[in-house]
Amino acid sequence: MAGKHRTVSLARRGFDFETFMWYFTRLSALAMYALALVGLVGALIMGARTQMNMADLIRWVFTPNVTHVANTNIPDTAPWMTLFWKVTGCVFVFFAGSHGLHGLLSVIEDYLTIRWLRLTLRILVLLLAVFLIYAGCYVIWTS
């Protein structure tokens, strides 16, 4: 005989910041997979299958930056410098940076017991992540 399923409201379940970040981490990983697939399909449609080696193609997939195409056999890099690819690259950098930030913060929370050190490292990791995301987007927009 099957057991009766019970439902618990979000308020009783405790939908707090940690639960939100748990969901965000899973969804950001899926978003990175989707963006990598968009980058791969886009590159193959734009001729990368005959004019790029595998290493250049993989670099393009994970960071769609025109400098990854400049040293290949592709004669015209203009289609690779569109607003779509710049936004795609920045979104990928944001999801990768925030995904890694949450992972690092989880490690800090799990293994450090000294309260002031945890707080200090949280602030440093947050500042580092903001700086790296900004630097990544800056490189994408200015190249």
C-alpha atoms as a PDB file:
ATOM      1  CA  MET A   1       0.000   0.000   0.000  1.00  0.00           C
ATOM      2  CA  ALA A   2       1.416   3.357  -1.027  1.00  0.00           C
ATOM      3  CA  GLY A   3       2.016   5.954   1.660  1.00  0.00           C
ATOM      4  CA  LYS A   4       0.149   9.205   1.678  1.00  0.00           C
ATOM      5  CA  HIS A   5       2.164  12.150   0.316  1.00  0.00           C
ATOM      6  CA  ARG A   6       2.209  15.194   2.469  1.00  0.00           C
ATOM      7  CA  THR A   7       2.945  18.681   1.309  1.00  0.00           C
ATOM      8  CA  VAL A   8       4.693  21.303   3.379  1.00  0.00           C
ATOM      9  CA  SER A   9       4.321  24.998   2.685  1.00  0.00           C
ATOM     10  CA  LEU A  10       7.354  27.113   1.754  1.00  0.00           C
ATOM     11  CA  ALA A  11       7.052  29.009   5.016  1.00  0.00           C
ATOM     12  CA  ARG A  12       7.304  25.794   7.041  1.00  0.00           C
ATOM     13  CA  ARG A  13       9.969  24.362   4.752  1.00  0.00           C
ATOM     14  CA  GLY A  14      12.229  27.311   5.419  1.00  0.00           C
ATOM     15  CA  PHE A  15      12.740  28.919   2.016  1.00  0.00           C
ATOM     16  CA  ASP A  16      15.578  31.197   3.058  1.00  0.00           C
ATOM     17  CA  PHE A  17      18.731  32.566   1.434  1.00  0.00           C
ATOM     18  CA  GLU A  18      20.555  29.230   1.649  1.00  0.00           C
ATOM     19  CA  THR A  19      17.717  27.416  -0.110  1.00  0.00           C
ATOM     20  CA  PHE A  20      17.661  30.109  -2.778  1.00  0.00           C
ATOM     21  CA  MET A  21      21.424  29.751  -3.292  1.00  0.00           C
ATOM     22  CA  TRP A  22      21.100  25.960  -3.486  1.00  0.00           C
ATOM     23  CA  TYR A  23      18.609  26.386  -6.323  1.00  0.00           C
ATOM     24  CA  PHE A  24      20.691  29.148  -7.916  1.00  0.00           C
ATOM     25  CA  THR A  25      23.792  26.932  -7.967  1.00  0.00           C
ATOM     26  CA  ARG A  26      21.944  24.139  -9.744  1.00  0.00           C
ATOM     27  CA  LEU A  27      20.263  26.498 -12.206  1.00  0.00           C
ATOM     28  CA  SER A  28      23.476  28.412 -12.908  1.00  0.00           C
ATOM     29  CA  ALA A  29      25.195  25.138 -13.813  1.00  0.00           C
ATOM     30  CA  LEU A  30      22.368  24.368 -16.232  1.00  0.00           C
ATOM     31  CA  ALA A  31      22.621  27.902 -17.637  1.00  0.00           C
ATOM     32  CA  MET A  32      26.357  27.429 -18.237  1.00  0.00           C
ATOM     33  CA  TYR A  33      25.686  24.164 -20.085  1.00  0.00           C
ATOM     34  CA  ALA A  34      23.038  25.902 -22.202  1.00  0.00           C
ATOM     35  CA  LEU A  35      25.341  28.844 -22.977  1.00  0.00           C
ATOM     36  CA  ALA A  36      28.173  26.479 -23.907  1.00  0.00           C
ATOM     37  CA  LEU A  37      25.821  24.651 -26.258  1.00  0.00           C
ATOM     38  CA  VAL A  38      24.736  27.963 -27.816  1.00  0.00           C
ATOM     39  CA  GLY A  39      28.408  28.891 -28.277  1.00  0.00           C
ATOM     40  CA  LEU A  40      29.232  25.532 -29.856  1.00  0.00           C
ATOM     41  CA  VAL A  41      26.274  25.523 -32.237  1.00  0.00           C
ATOM     42  CA  GLY A  42      26.837  29.182 -33.120  1.00  0.00           C
ATOM     43  CA  ALA A  43      30.517  28.607 -33.863  1.00  0.00           C
ATOM     44  CA  LEU A  44      29.773  25.568 -36.005  1.00  0.00           C
ATOM     45  CA  ILE A  45      27.121  27.478 -37.956  1.00  0.00           C
ATOM     46  CA  MET A  46      29.557  30.359 -38.545  1.00  0.00           C
ATOM     47  CA  GLY A  47      32.143  28.060 -40.112  1.00  0.00           C
ATOM     48  CA  ALA A  48      34.273  26.877 -37.226  1.00  0.00           C
ATOM     49  CA  ARG A  49      33.907  23.249 -38.284  1.00  0.00           C
ATOM     50  CA  THR A  50      36.260  23.798 -41.245  1.00  0.00           C
ATOM     51  CA  GLN A  51      38.331  26.782 -40.100  1.00  0.00           C
ATOM     52  CA  MET A  52      39.147  26.099 -36.429  1.00  0.00           C
ATOM     53  CA  ASN A  53      40.937  23.366 -34.589  1.00  0.00           C
ATOM     54  CA  MET A  54      39.308  21.740 -31.560  1.00  0.00           C
ATOM     55  CA  ALA A  55      41.255  23.772 -28.967  1.00  0.00           C
ATOM     56  CA  ASP A  56      40.179  27.084 -30.506  1.00  0.00           C
ATOM     57  CA  LEU A  57      36.605  25.880 -30.745  1.00  0.00           C
ATOM     58  CA  ILE A  58      36.537  24.890 -27.069  1.00  0.00           C
ATOM     59  CA  ARG A  59      38.023  28.259 -26.049  1.00  0.00           C
ATOM     60  CA  TRP A  60      35.274  29.970 -28.054  1.00  0.00           C
ATOM     61  CA  VAL A  61      32.553  27.823 -26.492  1.00  0.00           C
ATOM     62  CA  PHE A  62      33.445  28.714 -22.922  1.00  0.00           C
ATOM     63  CA  THR A  63      34.380  32.366 -23.492  1.00  0.00           C
ATOM     64  CA  PRO A  64      33.010  33.713 -26.777  1.00  0.00           C
ATOM     65  CA  ASN A  65      35.628  36.399 -27.265  1.00  0.00           C
ATOM     66  CA  VAL A  66      36.762  37.469 -30.729  1.00  0.00           C
ATOM     67  CA  THR A  67      40.437  37.169 -29.756  1.00  0.00           C
ATOM     68  CA  HIS A  68      39.903  33.411 -29.635  1.00  0.00           C
ATOM     69  CA  VAL A  69      39.108  33.514 -33.353  1.00  0.00           C
ATOM     70  CA  ALA A  70      41.683  36.067 -34.475  1.00  0.00           C
ATOM     71  CA  ASN A  71      44.559  33.549 -34.689  1.00  0.00           C
ATOM     72  CA  THR A  72      42.594  30.894 -36.591  1.00  0.00           C
ATOM     73  CA  ASN A  73      42.010  30.412 -40.315  1.00  0.00           C
ATOM     74  CA  ILE A  74      38.810  32.453 -40.229  1.00  0.00           C
ATOM     75  CA  PRO A  75      39.364  35.410 -42.569  1.00  0.00           C
ATOM     76  CA  ASP A  76      36.556  37.703 -41.345  1.00  0.00           C
ATOM     77  CA  THR A  77      36.074  38.131 -37.605  1.00  0.00           C
ATOM     78  CA  ALA A  78      33.211  40.673 -37.851  1.00  0.00           C
ATOM     79  CA  PRO A  79      30.412  38.073 -37.353  1.00  0.00           C
ATOM     80  CA  TRP A  80      32.159  36.973 -34.148  1.00  0.00           C
ATOM     81  CA  MET A  81      32.105  40.514 -32.680  1.00  0.00           C
ATOM     82  CA  THR A  82      28.348  41.064 -32.537  1.00  0.00           C
ATOM     83  CA  LEU A  83      26.368  42.284 -29.558  1.00  0.00           C
ATOM     84  CA  PHE A  84      24.846  38.803 -29.170  1.00  0.00           C
ATOM     85  CA  TRP A  85      28.232  37.153 -28.567  1.00  0.00           C
ATOM     86  CA  LYS A  86      29.369  39.881 -26.186  1.00  0.00           C
ATOM     87  CA  VAL A  87      26.200  39.560 -24.102  1.00  0.00           C
ATOM     88  CA  THR A  88      26.460  35.756 -24.218  1.00  0.00           C
ATOM     89  CA  GLY A  89      30.052  35.946 -22.993  1.00  0.00           C
ATOM     90  CA  CYS A  90      29.180  38.315 -20.150  1.00  0.00           C
ATOM     91  CA  VAL A  91      26.240  36.166 -19.043  1.00  0.00           C
ATOM     92  CA  PHE A  92      28.520  33.116 -19.061  1.00  0.00           C
ATOM     93  CA  VAL A  93      31.149  34.984 -17.010  1.00  0.00           C
ATOM     94  CA  PHE A  94      28.473  36.093 -14.533  1.00  0.00           C
ATOM     95  CA  PHE A  95      27.056  32.591 -14.052  1.00  0.00           C
ATOM     96  CA  ALA A  96      30.502  30.984 -13.818  1.00  0.00           C
ATOM     97  CA  GLY A  97      31.743  33.599 -11.351  1.00  0.00           C
ATOM     98  CA  SER A  98      28.689  33.492  -9.117  1.00  0.00           C
ATOM     99  CA  HIS A  99      28.571  29.681  -9.276  1.00  0.00           C
ATOM    100  CA  GLY A 100      32.212  29.503  -8.178  1.00  0.00           C
ATOM    101  CA  LEU A 101      31.641  32.186  -5.547  1.00  0.00           C
ATOM    102  CA  HIS A 102      28.886  30.163  -3.918  1.00  0.00           C
ATOM    103  CA  GLY A 103      31.026  27.021  -3.990  1.00  0.00           C
ATOM    104  CA  LEU A 104      33.925  28.807  -2.335  1.00  0.00           C
ATOM    105  CA  LEU A 105      31.644  30.356   0.269  1.00  0.00           C
ATOM    106  CA  SER A 106      30.217  26.907   1.044  1.00  0.00           C
ATOM    107  CA  VAL A 107      33.721  25.563   1.656  1.00  0.00           C
ATOM    108  CA  ILE A 108      34.505  28.528   3.922  1.00  0.00           C
ATOM    109  CA  GLU A 109      31.278  27.978   5.869  1.00  0.00           C
ATOM    110  CA  ASP A 110      31.903  24.243   6.239  1.00  0.00           C
ATOM    111  CA  TYR A 111      35.543  24.248   7.301  1.00  0.00           C
ATOM    112  CA  LEU A 112      36.226  27.462   9.191  1.00  0.00           C
ATOM    113  CA  THR A 113      35.060  27.773  12.764  1.00  0.00           C
ATOM    114  CA  ILE A 114      36.596  31.128  13.688  1.00  0.00           C
ATOM    115  CA  ARG A 115      33.803  33.640  13.219  1.00  0.00           C
ATOM    116  CA  TRP A 116      35.871  36.749  12.367  1.00  0.00           C
ATOM    117  CA  LEU A 117      38.011  34.804   9.890  1.00  0.00           C
ATOM    118  CA  ARG A 118      34.896  33.444   8.166  1.00  0.00           C
ATOM    119  CA  LEU A 119      33.440  36.937   7.868  1.00  0.00           C
ATOM    120  CA  THR A 120      36.719  38.367   6.565  1.00  0.00           C
ATOM    121  CA  LEU A 121      37.094  35.627   3.968  1.00  0.00           C
ATOM    122  CA  ARG A 122      33.454  36.014   2.895  1.00  0.00           C
ATOM    123  CA  ILE A 123      34.034  39.699   2.220  1.00  0.00           C
ATOM    124  CA  LEU A 124      37.314  39.044   0.395  1.00  0.00           C
ATOM    125  CA  VAL A 125      35.794  36.310  -1.762  1.00  0.00           C
ATOM    126  CA  LEU A 126      32.825  38.507  -2.617  1.00  0.00           C
ATOM    127  CA  LEU A 127      35.090  41.425  -3.590  1.00  0.00           C
ATOM    128  CA  LEU A 128      37.310  39.111  -5.627  1.00  0.00           C
ATOM    129  CA  ALA A 129      34.318  37.642  -7.460  1.00  0.00           C
ATOM    130  CA  VAL A 130      32.896  41.078  -8.265  1.00  0.00           C
ATOM    131  CA  PHE A 131      36.293  42.227  -9.535  1.00  0.00           C
ATOM    132  CA  LEU A 132      36.838  39.103 -11.669  1.00  0.00           C
ATOM    133  CA  ILE A 133      33.346  39.243 -13.171  1.00  0.00           C
ATOM    134  CA  TYR A 134      33.871  42.922 -13.969  1.00  0.00           C
ATOM    135  CA  ALA A 135      37.323  42.224 -15.476  1.00  0.00           C
ATOM    136  CA  GLY A 136      35.941  39.363 -17.577  1.00  0.00           C
ATOM    137  CA  CYS A 137      33.120  41.512 -18.943  1.00  0.00           C
ATOM    138  CA  TYR A 138      35.543  44.379 -19.572  1.00  0.00           C
ATOM    139  CA  VAL A 139      37.780  42.118 -21.664  1.00  0.00           C
ATOM    140  CA  ILE A 140      34.803  40.828 -23.623  1.00  0.00           C
ATOM    141  CA  TRP A 141      33.443  44.317 -24.378  1.00  0.00           C
ATOM    142  CA  THR A 142      36.771  45.954 -25.234  1.00  0.00           C
ATOM    143  CA  SER A 143      38.303  43.259 -27.440  1.00  0.00           C
END
